[in-house]
């Protein structure tokens, strides 16, 4: 009988170990690795992400169109000696729909008018579309056809004068320049007045005030009543975001702390990108690692590139506009509700907007980071709304003057909805209408200003000036 040699034993053991490791590698690597790392503060697992069709069918992206991002946010009507705010979102949409069906055509060059001409232009009887910020006219082709020789021009208002029946003006009130446009054959500016008068019962008398950035704003002479809004909330599943970024390929997962901790962050990453999810705050961040390319980018190209990025992860279906905080390195997509922008209070995360960050300045091809909320609205609880009376301009300027400020200290003044912080673990949210003021690319409610938050942050210089009218 042959003796069982040491070499035979070693060979047999090697085969058994090899088969065991092969089984683990193919069938059960997650389970084994998780056992080894269960007692560690930082866990790292190589996981396979598989899409879940049922989940994907239930959670649908908003699929917001670029034309909905580049959209008017306000309408002003001037008749006789008064200017009015069209306090009717359905009326705004009717006017915008008419413009999209009867596009105007740019026909002349950029004009820098003398001050008297500029004042006359913005003071005449007219219907006026206001946008949230200055926008490249090339992106607004749903409203405008370009038949001029200009290739670059940014505007934030479109004016339809009562006395120039076939003419419109694209106006940049930050630079106080304009371009002239013509209406299509068979249409006149009277068409816009007729549509606006359908909502005349909701017009609010307003007065123009100068802002610190050269722009101006119309504020109501009387108090306005705006209802609060209560909605149930829903959360974007983590798997939906992972599938969008990584598909069915392997990605590394790591947990910065215990997953039950309120400060825990879960990360998924590969060689090109890193996804950070904070399940406690319901916010996500995407960092892109290959950001070493440089090439001149126009403002239009940055908006197009950031828009393509944002719409992959946006589930908000209640309206989105380019935010007024937009600048060279950051594009902000503000969430809207019933025609009003939403803002987060100082105690709430940035659920009111999505942000896309570029490498720096205008010389970049690279998006370095995106920050987006995973919270969106589901059902409107209409019977929980209540009416809020918002201050008139005299009351508003009095409150500002009492704490040493004026309208002209700010770059924008708007009515918006504030996210309240009592969300019952993301089950519901209450929106309360308030006046908001923008400075240094941040919006503050009138309550925050009265409470001295600007003073604490040092956001306004010590030189004060009283409000002006023009």
Protein backbone atom coordinates (compact mmCIF):
# COMPACT_ATOMS: atom_id res chain seq x y z
CA UNK A 1 0.00 0.00 0.00
CA UNK A 2 1.38 3.44 -1.01
CA UNK A 3 2.16 5.88 1.76
CA UNK A 4 0.34 9.22 1.78
CA UNK A 5 3.20 11.65 1.08
CA UNK A 6 3.53 15.23 2.35
CA UNK A 7 3.57 16.48 -1.24
CA UNK A 8 0.22 14.83 -1.94
CA UNK A 9 -1.32 16.36 1.19
CA UNK A 10 -0.08 19.82 0.27
CA UNK A 11 -1.37 19.50 -3.30
CA UNK A 12 -4.81 18.35 -2.06
CA UNK A 13 -5.01 21.23 0.45
CA UNK A 14 -4.09 23.75 -2.24
CA UNK A 15 -6.85 22.46 -4.52
CA UNK A 16 -9.45 22.71 -1.72
CA UNK A 17 -8.39 26.26 -0.81
CA UNK A 18 -8.42 27.29 -4.46
CA UNK A 19 -11.95 25.94 -4.93
CA UNK A 20 -13.14 27.72 -1.77
CA UNK A 21 -11.67 31.06 -2.84
CA UNK A 22 -13.13 30.66 -6.31
CA UNK A 23 -16.59 30.09 -4.81
CA UNK A 24 -16.29 33.17 -2.61
CA UNK A 25 -15.05 35.33 -5.46
CA UNK A 26 -17.87 34.28 -7.77
CA UNK A 27 -20.82 33.90 -5.43
CA UNK A 28 -20.42 35.49 -2.01
CA UNK A 29 -17.67 38.10 -1.77
CA UNK A 30 -19.89 40.75 -0.12
CA UNK A 31 -21.00 38.51 2.70
CA UNK A 32 -17.51 37.40 3.62
CA UNK A 33 -15.98 40.86 3.44
CA UNK A 34 -18.77 42.35 5.51
CA UNK A 35 -18.08 39.79 8.29
CA UNK A 36 -14.43 40.79 8.40
CA UNK A 37 -15.28 44.51 8.49
CA UNK A 38 -18.38 44.49 10.73
CA UNK A 39 -16.45 45.70 13.77
CA UNK A 40 -14.56 48.46 11.98
CA UNK A 41 -15.58 52.12 11.98
CA UNK A 42 -14.84 52.44 8.25
CA UNK A 43 -16.16 49.70 6.01
CA UNK A 44 -15.24 49.21 2.36
CA UNK A 45 -17.01 46.78 0.07
CA UNK A 46 -16.77 46.07 -3.64
CA UNK A 47 -20.41 45.70 -4.67
CA UNK A 48 -22.37 44.88 -7.78
CA UNK A 49 -25.17 47.35 -8.54
CA UNK A 50 -28.20 45.84 -10.28
CA UNK A 51 -31.09 47.99 -11.48
CA UNK A 52 -34.54 47.46 -10.02
CA UNK A 53 -37.18 47.94 -12.70
CA UNK A 54 -40.09 48.26 -10.26
CA UNK A 55 -38.34 51.02 -8.33
CA UNK A 56 -37.36 52.82 -11.54
CA UNK A 57 -40.92 52.70 -12.86
CA UNK A 58 -42.29 54.28 -9.69
CA UNK A 59 -39.69 57.04 -9.31
CA UNK A 60 -39.69 59.08 -12.51
CA UNK A 61 -37.32 61.93 -13.29
CA UNK A 62 -38.89 65.33 -13.90
CA UNK A 63 -37.33 65.39 -17.40
CA UNK A 64 -37.44 69.17 -17.30
CA UNK A 65 -36.83 70.84 -20.66
CA UNK A 66 -34.33 73.63 -21.24
CA UNK A 67 -37.20 75.89 -22.39
CA UNK A 68 -38.77 75.46 -18.93
CA UNK A 69 -35.50 76.46 -17.24
CA UNK A 70 -35.19 79.62 -19.36
CA UNK A 71 -38.65 80.98 -18.56
CA UNK A 72 -40.12 84.31 -17.36
CA UNK A 73 -40.63 84.65 -13.63
CA UNK A 74 -42.71 87.83 -13.54
CA UNK A 75 -44.85 90.15 -15.69
CA UNK A 76 -45.21 93.92 -15.27
CA UNK A 77 -47.91 95.93 -17.02
CA UNK A 78 -47.75 99.70 -17.32
CA UNK A 79 -50.89 101.60 -18.26
CA UNK A 80 -51.64 105.27 -17.69
CA UNK A 81 -49.65 106.55 -14.73
CA UNK A 82 -49.36 103.21 -12.93
CA UNK A 83 -47.26 100.07 -13.11
CA UNK A 84 -48.79 96.76 -12.04
CA UNK A 85 -47.54 93.33 -11.04
CA UNK A 86 -49.45 90.53 -12.75
CA UNK A 87 -50.08 88.50 -9.63
CA UNK A 88 -51.39 85.50 -11.56
CA UNK A 89 -49.18 82.57 -12.58
CA UNK A 90 -51.72 81.21 -15.08
CA UNK A 91 -51.79 84.66 -16.73
CA UNK A 92 -47.99 84.63 -16.96
CA UNK A 93 -48.09 81.22 -18.63
CA UNK A 94 -50.71 82.43 -21.14
CA UNK A 95 -48.51 85.37 -22.12
CA UNK A 96 -45.40 83.17 -22.38
CA UNK A 97 -47.34 80.63 -24.48
CA UNK A 98 -48.40 83.40 -26.88
CA UNK A 99 -44.78 84.54 -27.24
CA UNK A 100 -43.57 80.99 -27.94
CA UNK A 101 -46.18 80.64 -30.70
CA UNK A 102 -45.33 84.04 -32.23
CA UNK A 103 -41.59 84.36 -31.80
CA UNK A 104 -40.01 87.78 -32.13
CA UNK A 105 -36.95 88.36 -34.34
CA UNK A 106 -33.81 90.27 -33.37
CA UNK A 107 -32.99 92.65 -36.22
CA UNK A 108 -30.48 95.24 -34.98
CA UNK A 109 -27.23 95.62 -33.05
CA UNK A 110 -26.73 96.19 -29.34
CA UNK A 111 -27.62 99.77 -28.37
CA UNK A 112 -26.19 101.74 -25.45
CA UNK A 113 -28.80 104.49 -25.00
CA UNK A 114 -28.31 107.79 -23.19
CA UNK A 115 -29.77 107.82 -19.71
CA UNK A 116 -32.85 109.83 -20.73
CA UNK A 117 -33.67 107.36 -23.49
CA UNK A 118 -33.16 104.42 -21.15
CA UNK A 119 -35.50 105.90 -18.50
CA UNK A 120 -38.11 106.57 -21.18
CA UNK A 121 -37.80 103.00 -22.45
CA UNK A 122 -38.39 101.35 -19.06
CA UNK A 123 -41.13 103.84 -18.03
CA UNK A 124 -43.45 103.80 -21.06
CA UNK A 125 -46.78 101.96 -21.27
CA UNK A 126 -45.90 98.35 -21.95
CA UNK A 127 -46.17 94.66 -21.14
CA UNK A 128 -42.88 93.44 -19.71
CA UNK A 129 -41.52 89.92 -19.18
CA UNK A 130 -38.97 89.62 -16.38
CA UNK A 131 -36.46 86.76 -16.09
CA UNK A 132 -34.57 85.71 -12.96
CA UNK A 133 -31.17 86.77 -14.29
CA UNK A 134 -29.39 87.84 -17.47
CA UNK A 135 -29.55 85.02 -20.04
CA UNK A 136 -27.86 84.39 -23.41
CA UNK A 137 -30.41 85.06 -26.15
CA UNK A 138 -29.16 82.00 -28.08
CA UNK A 139 -30.74 79.75 -25.43
CA UNK A 140 -34.16 81.38 -25.70
CA UNK A 141 -34.94 80.28 -29.24
CA UNK A 142 -38.41 79.18 -28.13
CA UNK A 143 -39.18 82.92 -27.82
CA UNK A 144 -36.65 84.60 -30.11
CA UNK A 145 -35.29 84.21 -33.64
CA UNK A 146 -31.93 85.80 -34.36
CA UNK A 147 -31.82 87.74 -37.62
CA UNK A 148 -29.17 90.22 -36.50
CA UNK A 149 -25.39 90.11 -36.79
CA UNK A 150 -24.88 89.86 -33.04
CA UNK A 151 -23.59 86.57 -31.68
CA UNK A 152 -23.49 87.32 -27.95
CA UNK A 153 -26.02 89.25 -25.91
CA UNK A 154 -27.52 88.65 -22.49
CA UNK A 155 -30.92 90.03 -21.46
CA UNK A 156 -33.24 89.80 -18.45
CA UNK A 157 -36.39 91.58 -19.72
CA UNK A 158 -38.52 91.70 -22.87
CA UNK A 159 -40.62 94.85 -23.34
CA UNK A 160 -43.66 95.19 -25.65
CA UNK A 161 -44.39 98.95 -25.95
CA UNK A 162 -47.97 100.11 -26.37
CA UNK A 163 -47.03 102.85 -28.84
CA UNK A 164 -44.75 100.75 -31.06
CA UNK A 165 -47.14 98.12 -32.35
CA UNK A 166 -44.63 95.93 -34.21
CA UNK A 167 -41.60 96.35 -31.95
CA UNK A 168 -40.16 94.62 -28.91
CA UNK A 169 -37.01 95.29 -26.89
CA UNK A 170 -34.64 92.81 -25.27
CA UNK A 171 -33.24 94.69 -22.32
CA UNK A 172 -30.25 94.09 -20.07
CA UNK A 173 -31.00 96.23 -17.04
CA UNK A 174 -27.72 95.31 -15.33
CA UNK A 175 -25.74 96.95 -18.17
CA UNK A 176 -28.59 99.26 -19.30
CA UNK A 177 -28.33 98.22 -22.95
CA UNK A 178 -30.87 96.73 -25.37
CA UNK A 179 -31.50 95.08 -28.71
CA UNK A 180 -34.50 95.81 -30.88
CA UNK A 181 -36.78 93.07 -32.23
CA UNK A 182 -39.79 92.87 -34.53
CA UNK A 183 -43.03 91.00 -34.07
CA UNK A 184 -44.11 88.45 -36.71
CA UNK A 185 -46.39 89.52 -39.54
CA UNK A 186 -50.00 90.04 -38.46
CA UNK A 187 -49.22 90.47 -34.73
CA UNK A 188 -48.97 93.61 -32.61
CA UNK A 189 -48.14 94.50 -29.04
CA UNK A 190 -51.91 94.95 -28.45
CA UNK A 191 -52.15 91.13 -28.43
CA UNK A 192 -50.14 91.03 -25.18
CA UNK A 193 -52.24 93.72 -23.54
CA UNK A 194 -55.41 91.77 -24.40
CA UNK A 195 -54.06 88.59 -22.78
CA UNK A 196 -52.85 90.50 -19.71
CA UNK A 197 -56.26 92.17 -19.22
CA UNK A 198 -57.91 88.76 -18.79
CA UNK A 199 -56.27 88.72 -15.33
CA UNK A 200 -56.80 92.44 -14.62
CA UNK A 201 -58.65 91.68 -11.39
CA UNK A 202 -55.37 90.34 -9.99
CA UNK A 203 -53.14 93.25 -11.03
CA UNK A 204 -51.36 94.88 -8.08
CA UNK A 205 -50.20 98.51 -8.22
CA UNK A 206 -46.42 98.60 -7.85
CA UNK A 207 -43.53 101.04 -7.83
CA UNK A 208 -40.02 100.72 -9.22
CA UNK A 209 -37.00 100.66 -6.88
CA UNK A 210 -33.32 100.63 -7.81
CA UNK A 211 -31.04 97.78 -6.75
CA UNK A 212 -27.30 97.80 -6.07
CA UNK A 213 -26.38 95.95 -9.29
CA UNK A 214 -27.99 98.40 -11.76
CA UNK A 215 -31.17 96.34 -12.02
CA UNK A 216 -34.52 97.42 -10.56
CA UNK A 217 -37.49 95.72 -8.95
CA UNK A 218 -41.23 96.42 -8.73
CA UNK A 219 -42.71 96.25 -5.24
CA UNK A 220 -46.46 96.36 -4.39
CA UNK A 221 -47.94 99.51 -2.86
CA UNK A 222 -50.51 97.44 -0.95
CA UNK A 223 -50.28 94.27 1.11
CA UNK A 224 -50.44 90.97 -0.78
CA UNK A 225 -52.09 87.75 0.37
CA UNK A 226 -50.29 84.50 -0.49
CA UNK A 227 -51.28 81.05 0.85
CA UNK A 228 -48.89 78.68 2.60
CA UNK A 229 -48.53 75.22 1.04
CA UNK A 230 -48.30 71.82 2.71
CA UNK A 231 -46.97 68.82 0.74
CA UNK A 232 -46.08 65.25 1.53
CA UNK A 233 -42.49 64.37 0.65
CA UNK A 234 -40.77 61.57 -1.19
CA UNK A 235 -37.10 60.59 -1.34
CA UNK A 236 -35.09 59.56 -4.36
CA UNK A 237 -33.88 55.96 -3.82
CA UNK A 238 -30.15 55.59 -3.50
CA UNK A 239 -30.16 52.89 -6.18
CA UNK A 240 -31.62 55.27 -8.76
CA UNK A 241 -28.68 57.64 -8.40
CA UNK A 242 -26.15 54.81 -8.41
CA UNK A 243 -27.67 53.30 -11.56
CA UNK A 244 -27.54 56.68 -13.33
CA UNK A 245 -23.87 57.12 -12.55
CA UNK A 246 -22.42 53.59 -12.61
CA UNK A 247 -24.99 51.41 -14.39
CA UNK A 248 -24.41 47.71 -13.82
CA UNK A 249 -20.67 47.95 -13.40
CA UNK A 250 -18.82 47.33 -10.17
CA UNK A 251 -18.16 50.31 -7.90
CA UNK A 252 -16.51 50.67 -4.53
CA UNK A 253 -18.65 51.49 -1.51
CA UNK A 254 -17.33 52.90 1.74
CA UNK A 255 -19.01 54.18 4.90
CA UNK A 256 -17.28 57.03 6.71
CA UNK A 257 -18.92 56.18 10.04
CA UNK A 258 -21.53 53.81 11.39
CA UNK A 259 -24.45 53.87 8.93
CA UNK A 260 -26.85 54.46 11.82
CA UNK A 261 -25.05 57.66 12.74
CA UNK A 262 -26.74 60.96 11.82
CA UNK A 263 -23.45 62.24 10.39
CA UNK A 264 -22.62 59.15 8.36
CA UNK A 265 -21.72 59.53 4.69
CA UNK A 266 -21.87 56.69 2.18
CA UNK A 267 -19.52 56.88 -0.78
CA UNK A 268 -19.48 55.03 -4.11
CA UNK A 269 -16.59 55.62 -6.44
CA UNK A 270 -14.56 54.41 -9.37
CA UNK A 271 -11.57 55.82 -11.21
CA UNK A 272 -13.57 58.72 -12.71
CA UNK A 273 -16.01 59.90 -10.07
CA UNK A 274 -17.10 59.80 -6.46
CA UNK A 275 -20.70 59.78 -5.23
CA UNK A 276 -21.35 60.99 -1.67
CA UNK A 277 -24.74 60.37 -0.06
CA UNK A 278 -25.77 61.65 3.35
CA UNK A 279 -28.85 59.58 4.26
CA UNK A 280 -29.56 61.73 7.31
CA UNK A 281 -29.65 65.03 5.38
CA UNK A 282 -30.92 63.44 2.12
CA UNK A 283 -28.35 65.33 0.06
CA UNK A 284 -25.98 63.97 -2.54
CA UNK A 285 -22.73 65.23 -4.01
CA UNK A 286 -20.94 64.04 -7.14
CA UNK A 287 -17.23 64.76 -7.52
CA UNK A 288 -15.54 64.30 -10.89
CA UNK A 289 -11.85 63.41 -10.79
CA UNK A 290 -10.78 64.12 -14.39
CA UNK A 291 -10.92 67.91 -14.26
CA UNK A 292 -7.61 68.87 -15.84
CA UNK A 293 -8.91 70.05 -19.22
CA UNK A 294 -8.98 73.73 -20.08
CA UNK A 295 -10.84 75.41 -22.90
CA UNK A 296 -12.72 78.71 -23.18
CA UNK A 297 -16.42 78.23 -22.37
CA UNK A 298 -19.16 80.74 -23.02
CA UNK A 299 -21.94 81.35 -20.53
CA UNK A 300 -24.34 79.59 -22.89
CA UNK A 301 -22.12 76.50 -23.04
CA UNK A 302 -21.82 76.38 -19.24
CA UNK A 303 -25.61 76.50 -18.87
CA UNK A 304 -26.08 73.76 -21.48
CA UNK A 305 -23.44 71.54 -19.87
CA UNK A 306 -24.73 72.02 -16.32
CA UNK A 307 -28.34 71.56 -17.44
CA UNK A 308 -27.48 68.14 -18.93
CA UNK A 309 -25.88 67.20 -15.63
CA UNK A 310 -28.73 68.44 -13.43
CA UNK A 311 -31.60 66.83 -15.32
CA UNK A 312 -30.11 63.34 -14.80
CA UNK A 313 -30.91 63.55 -11.06
CA UNK A 314 -33.79 66.02 -10.73
CA UNK A 315 -37.20 64.70 -9.63
CA UNK A 316 -38.80 68.09 -8.84
CA UNK A 317 -41.82 68.57 -11.12
CA UNK A 318 -43.16 71.89 -9.79
CA UNK A 319 -40.99 74.25 -11.82
CA UNK A 320 -37.24 75.00 -12.05
CA UNK A 321 -35.52 78.20 -13.19
CA UNK A 322 -31.96 79.38 -13.54
CA UNK A 323 -31.19 80.98 -10.17
CA UNK A 324 -30.11 84.57 -9.70
CA UNK A 325 -27.06 83.31 -7.78
CA UNK A 326 -25.59 82.03 -11.06
CA UNK A 327 -21.97 83.15 -11.61
CA UNK A 328 -18.82 82.13 -13.47
CA UNK A 329 -18.06 79.00 -11.44
CA UNK A 330 -21.53 77.94 -10.23
CA UNK A 331 -24.84 77.42 -12.01
CA UNK A 332 -27.85 77.36 -9.67
CA UNK A 333 -31.15 75.70 -10.56
CA UNK A 334 -33.81 77.13 -8.25
CA UNK A 335 -36.88 75.06 -7.39
CA UNK A 336 -40.18 76.91 -7.85
CA UNK A 337 -43.67 76.34 -6.48
CA UNK A 338 -46.79 77.98 -8.00
CA UNK A 339 -44.60 80.52 -9.76
CA UNK A 340 -42.63 81.52 -6.64
CA UNK A 341 -38.99 80.55 -5.93
CA UNK A 342 -38.36 78.39 -2.87
CA UNK A 343 -35.61 79.08 -0.35
CA UNK A 344 -34.21 77.14 2.56
CA UNK A 345 -34.19 78.73 6.00
CA UNK A 346 -30.94 78.99 7.91
CA UNK A 347 -31.77 75.76 9.79
CA UNK A 348 -32.60 73.67 6.69
CA UNK A 349 -30.31 72.10 4.10
CA UNK A 350 -30.28 73.37 0.49
CA UNK A 351 -33.44 71.57 -0.58
CA UNK A 352 -34.50 74.63 -2.60
CA UNK A 353 -31.93 74.29 -5.38
CA UNK A 354 -29.44 72.12 -7.24
CA UNK A 355 -25.94 73.43 -7.95
CA UNK A 356 -23.32 72.55 -10.55
CA UNK A 357 -19.75 73.72 -9.97
CA UNK A 358 -17.09 74.32 -12.63
CA UNK A 359 -13.35 74.19 -12.14
CA UNK A 360 -12.92 77.96 -12.04
CA UNK A 361 -13.82 81.09 -13.96
CA UNK A 362 -14.68 80.95 -17.63
CA UNK A 363 -11.69 78.87 -18.75
CA UNK A 364 -12.92 75.34 -18.20
CA UNK A 365 -14.48 72.36 -19.87
CA UNK A 366 -14.87 70.51 -16.61
CA UNK A 367 -17.67 70.17 -14.11
CA UNK A 368 -15.95 69.36 -10.83
CA UNK A 369 -18.94 68.83 -8.56
CA UNK A 370 -22.74 68.67 -8.40
CA UNK A 371 -24.77 69.06 -5.20
CA UNK A 372 -28.41 68.03 -5.31
CA UNK A 373 -31.23 67.37 -2.83
CA UNK A 374 -32.82 63.90 -2.78
CA UNK A 375 -36.11 65.34 -1.48
CA UNK A 376 -39.04 66.21 -3.73
CA UNK A 377 -42.77 66.88 -3.44
CA UNK A 378 -45.46 64.25 -3.76
CA UNK A 379 -49.06 65.16 -2.74
CA UNK A 380 -50.51 68.61 -2.06
CA UNK A 381 -52.54 68.80 1.15
CA UNK A 382 -54.75 71.72 0.09
CA UNK A 383 -56.91 71.93 3.22
CA UNK A 384 -53.81 72.66 5.34
CA UNK A 385 -53.06 75.97 3.59
CA UNK A 386 -53.64 79.28 5.29
CA UNK A 387 -53.44 82.86 4.02
CA UNK A 388 -50.41 85.03 4.84
CA UNK A 389 -50.54 88.80 4.40
CA UNK A 390 -47.21 90.09 3.11
CA UNK A 391 -46.03 93.62 3.79
CA UNK A 392 -46.55 96.51 1.38
CA UNK A 393 -43.53 98.41 0.11
CA UNK A 394 -43.92 101.15 2.74
CA UNK A 395 -44.02 98.58 5.53
CA UNK A 396 -41.11 96.70 3.98
CA UNK A 397 -38.87 99.74 3.60
CA UNK A 398 -39.75 100.84 7.15
CA UNK A 399 -38.65 97.44 8.52
CA UNK A 400 -35.41 97.67 6.55
CA UNK A 401 -34.68 101.23 7.62
CA UNK A 402 -35.27 100.30 11.26
CA UNK A 403 -32.26 97.94 11.09
CA UNK A 404 -30.16 100.25 8.91
CA UNK A 405 -30.78 98.91 5.39
CA UNK A 406 -32.63 99.91 2.25
CA UNK A 407 -33.84 98.19 -0.90
CA UNK A 408 -30.87 99.61 -2.81
CA UNK A 409 -28.47 97.62 -0.60
CA UNK A 410 -29.60 94.39 -2.26
CA UNK A 411 -29.28 92.75 -5.69
CA UNK A 412 -32.81 91.31 -5.73
CA UNK A 413 -36.05 91.41 -3.74
CA UNK A 414 -38.65 88.67 -4.29
CA UNK A 415 -41.57 86.89 -2.69
CA UNK A 416 -40.68 83.25 -2.16
CA UNK A 417 -41.63 80.14 -0.24
CA UNK A 418 -39.48 79.18 2.73
CA UNK A 419 -38.99 75.49 3.58
CA UNK A 420 -39.92 74.98 7.22
CA UNK A 421 -37.66 72.65 9.20
CA UNK A 422 -40.32 70.45 10.82
CA UNK A 423 -40.39 67.74 8.15
CA UNK A 424 -41.35 64.81 10.41
CA UNK A 425 -38.42 62.73 9.14
CA UNK A 426 -39.08 63.73 5.52
CA UNK A 427 -42.75 62.86 5.60
CA UNK A 428 -44.08 66.37 4.90
CA UNK A 429 -43.03 69.98 4.41
CA UNK A 430 -44.75 73.30 4.97
CA UNK A 431 -43.93 76.28 2.72
CA UNK A 432 -44.49 79.75 4.18
CA UNK A 433 -44.47 82.83 1.88
CA UNK A 434 -42.05 85.61 2.84
CA UNK A 435 -40.09 88.51 1.42
CA UNK A 436 -36.50 87.57 0.51
CA UNK A 437 -33.48 89.77 -0.18
CA UNK A 438 -30.36 88.76 -2.12
CA UNK A 439 -26.86 89.88 -1.30
CA UNK A 440 -23.52 88.21 -2.13
CA UNK A 441 -25.40 85.44 -3.97
CA UNK A 442 -27.38 84.45 -0.86
CA UNK A 443 -31.07 85.07 -0.09
CA UNK A 444 -32.20 86.15 3.39
CA UNK A 445 -35.80 86.41 4.59
CA UNK A 446 -37.07 89.62 6.16
CA UNK A 447 -37.15 87.73 9.47
CA UNK A 448 -33.43 86.93 9.23
CA UNK A 449 -32.63 90.55 8.44
CA UNK A 450 -34.70 91.82 11.38
CA UNK A 451 -32.96 89.27 13.63
CA UNK A 452 -29.55 90.72 12.71
CA UNK A 453 -28.21 87.80 10.68
CA UNK A 454 -26.65 90.11 8.07
CA UNK A 455 -24.88 92.07 10.76
CA UNK A 456 -23.51 88.87 12.25
CA UNK A 457 -22.17 87.74 8.88
CA UNK A 458 -20.93 91.19 7.85
CA UNK A 459 -22.61 90.95 4.44
CA UNK A 460 -23.33 94.67 4.05
CA UNK A 461 -20.80 97.44 4.46
CA UNK A 462 -21.17 100.10 7.13
CA UNK A 463 -22.11 102.75 4.56
CA UNK A 464 -25.92 102.89 4.40
CA UNK A 465 -28.11 104.70 1.91
CA UNK A 466 -31.84 105.20 1.89
CA UNK A 467 -34.11 103.68 -0.72
CA UNK A 468 -34.57 105.55 -3.98
CA UNK A 469 -37.36 105.60 -6.49
CA UNK A 470 -37.08 106.03 -10.23
